[in-house]
Protein backbone atom coordinates (compact mmCIF):
# COMPACT_ATOMS: atom_id res chain seq x y z
CA MET A 1 -78.26 -39.53 -31.89
CA ARG A 2 -79.03 -37.68 -28.24
CA LEU A 3 -82.50 -37.47 -26.89
CA ALA A 4 -83.22 -34.31 -24.95
CA THR A 5 -86.28 -33.92 -23.04
CA ALA A 6 -88.17 -29.98 -22.42
CA GLU A 7 -88.15 -30.73 -18.45
CA ASN A 8 -90.54 -28.52 -16.54
CA THR A 9 -91.68 -26.79 -19.95
CA PRO A 10 -92.88 -23.72 -19.14
CA LYS A 11 -97.11 -23.01 -19.84
CA VAL A 12 -97.04 -21.87 -23.59
CA THR A 13 -98.34 -18.75 -24.54
CA PRO A 14 -99.94 -17.55 -27.80
CA THR A 15 -97.49 -16.31 -30.37
CA GLU A 16 -97.95 -13.66 -33.30
CA SER A 17 -98.91 -16.62 -35.50
CA GLY A 18 -101.91 -18.25 -33.47
CA PRO A 19 -102.90 -19.92 -30.39
CA ALA A 20 -101.10 -21.21 -27.57
CA LEU A 21 -100.09 -25.24 -28.35
CA THR A 22 -100.57 -27.92 -25.74
CA LEU A 23 -99.05 -30.98 -25.33
CA PRO A 24 -100.77 -33.84 -26.30
CA ASP A 25 -102.01 -36.67 -23.91
CA LYS A 26 -99.43 -38.71 -24.73
CA PRO A 27 -95.88 -38.84 -25.26
CA SER A 28 -94.48 -36.55 -28.09
CA ILE A 29 -91.22 -36.10 -29.84
CA ALA A 30 -89.84 -33.90 -32.55
CA VAL A 31 -86.95 -35.24 -34.89
CA LEU A 32 -85.21 -32.43 -35.93
CA PRO A 33 -83.14 -31.90 -39.17
CA PHE A 34 -79.57 -33.32 -38.89
CA ALA A 35 -76.63 -31.21 -38.85
CA ASN A 36 -74.57 -32.43 -41.59
CA MET A 37 -70.63 -32.00 -40.96
CA SER A 38 -69.30 -34.04 -43.82
CA GLY A 39 -68.52 -30.91 -46.04
CA ASP A 40 -70.27 -32.26 -48.61
CA PRO A 41 -73.74 -29.91 -49.94
CA ASP A 42 -74.57 -33.31 -51.82
CA GLN A 43 -75.38 -35.26 -48.23
CA GLU A 44 -77.86 -32.96 -47.59
CA TYR A 45 -80.12 -35.31 -49.34
CA PHE A 46 -79.22 -38.12 -47.30
CA ALA A 47 -79.63 -36.38 -43.93
CA ASP A 48 -82.83 -35.28 -44.75
CA GLY A 49 -84.21 -38.98 -45.80
CA MET A 50 -82.34 -40.25 -42.58
CA VAL A 51 -85.06 -37.53 -40.45
CA GLU A 52 -87.79 -38.93 -42.77
CA GLU A 53 -87.18 -42.39 -42.33
CA ILE A 54 -87.02 -41.58 -38.38
CA ILE A 55 -90.17 -39.49 -38.26
CA THR A 56 -91.71 -42.38 -40.04
CA ALA A 57 -91.02 -44.92 -38.32
CA LEU A 58 -91.64 -43.22 -34.89
CA SER A 59 -95.14 -42.37 -36.45
CA ARG A 60 -95.60 -46.15 -36.29
CA ILE A 61 -95.95 -46.21 -32.74
CA ARG A 62 -99.56 -45.60 -31.95
CA TRP A 63 -98.73 -44.20 -28.00
CA LEU A 64 -96.53 -41.45 -29.44
CA PHE A 65 -97.54 -38.08 -30.86
CA VAL A 66 -94.97 -37.65 -33.53
CA ILE A 67 -94.38 -33.77 -34.80
CA ALA A 68 -94.77 -33.51 -38.31
CA ARG A 69 -92.23 -32.87 -40.64
CA ASN A 70 -93.01 -29.80 -42.43
CA SER A 71 -93.04 -28.50 -38.36
CA SER A 72 -89.49 -29.64 -37.09
CA PHE A 73 -88.05 -28.98 -40.66
CA PHE A 74 -88.83 -25.22 -39.78
CA TYR A 75 -85.58 -25.12 -37.80
CA LYS A 76 -82.74 -26.93 -40.47
CA GLY A 77 -80.18 -24.75 -40.70
CA HIS A 78 -80.43 -22.93 -37.64
CA SER A 79 -79.34 -22.79 -33.61
CA VAL A 80 -81.80 -23.46 -31.90
CA ASP A 81 -82.36 -23.91 -28.10
CA VAL A 82 -84.04 -27.39 -27.20
CA LYS A 83 -86.91 -25.44 -24.34
CA GLN A 84 -88.12 -22.79 -26.92
CA VAL A 85 -88.30 -25.21 -29.61
CA GLY A 86 -90.80 -27.54 -26.85
CA ARG A 87 -92.83 -24.73 -26.33
CA GLU A 88 -93.27 -23.80 -29.86
CA LEU A 89 -93.54 -27.45 -31.02
CA ALA A 90 -95.68 -28.52 -28.17
CA SER A 91 -93.03 -31.29 -27.88
CA ALA A 92 -91.15 -32.58 -24.27
CA MET A 93 -88.62 -34.59 -26.33
CA PHE A 94 -86.34 -34.29 -29.31
CA SER A 95 -83.99 -35.81 -31.77
CA LYS A 96 -81.13 -34.00 -32.71
CA ALA A 97 -77.58 -35.05 -34.26
CA GLN A 98 -74.99 -34.33 -36.43
CA PHE A 99 -73.29 -36.72 -39.06
CA VAL A 100 -70.51 -37.66 -41.09
CA ARG A 101 -70.95 -39.94 -44.18
CA ARG A 102 -67.57 -41.16 -45.40
CA ALA A 103 -66.96 -43.26 -48.19
CA VAL A 104 -65.68 -46.72 -47.45
CA ALA A 105 -63.45 -48.39 -49.68
CA CYS A 106 -63.75 -51.98 -50.17
CA ALA A 107 -61.32 -54.56 -52.25
CA SER A 108 -62.61 -57.56 -53.80
CA ARG A 109 -60.70 -60.97 -54.77
CA ARG A 110 -61.35 -63.17 -57.69
CA SER A 111 -60.09 -66.23 -57.59
C-alpha cells in the first residue's frame, strides 16, 4: 500500500455539484478502491471488502477524519490524479493500492 499526500493543496473552488469543500481541522484520509490485478473478476468483491475494512479500522482513530466509502468508491475503475481527488474530497492523504490474490497450495501429511 502506498500513501500519497496532496501537498500544497490549492484552495478548493466551487464545483457544478455544490459549494467548495474545506479540509477538516484534523488530518484526513481517503482510501481509494484497490485495483484488481489478478485478472479474476470474482476478486473485485475481495478488493472492495479489504478497502471497507481499512476504512472501518481507520474511522476508529478519533484524531483522524476518514472520507466515506461512498465518496471514495466514486473513483472505482478510473485512473485518478491524487491532487484532483484531494481537492474534490477535501482530503490531504490517500491510500491507493493494487493487488494480486493467488491461491496457495497446502499439502497435509497423514500419520
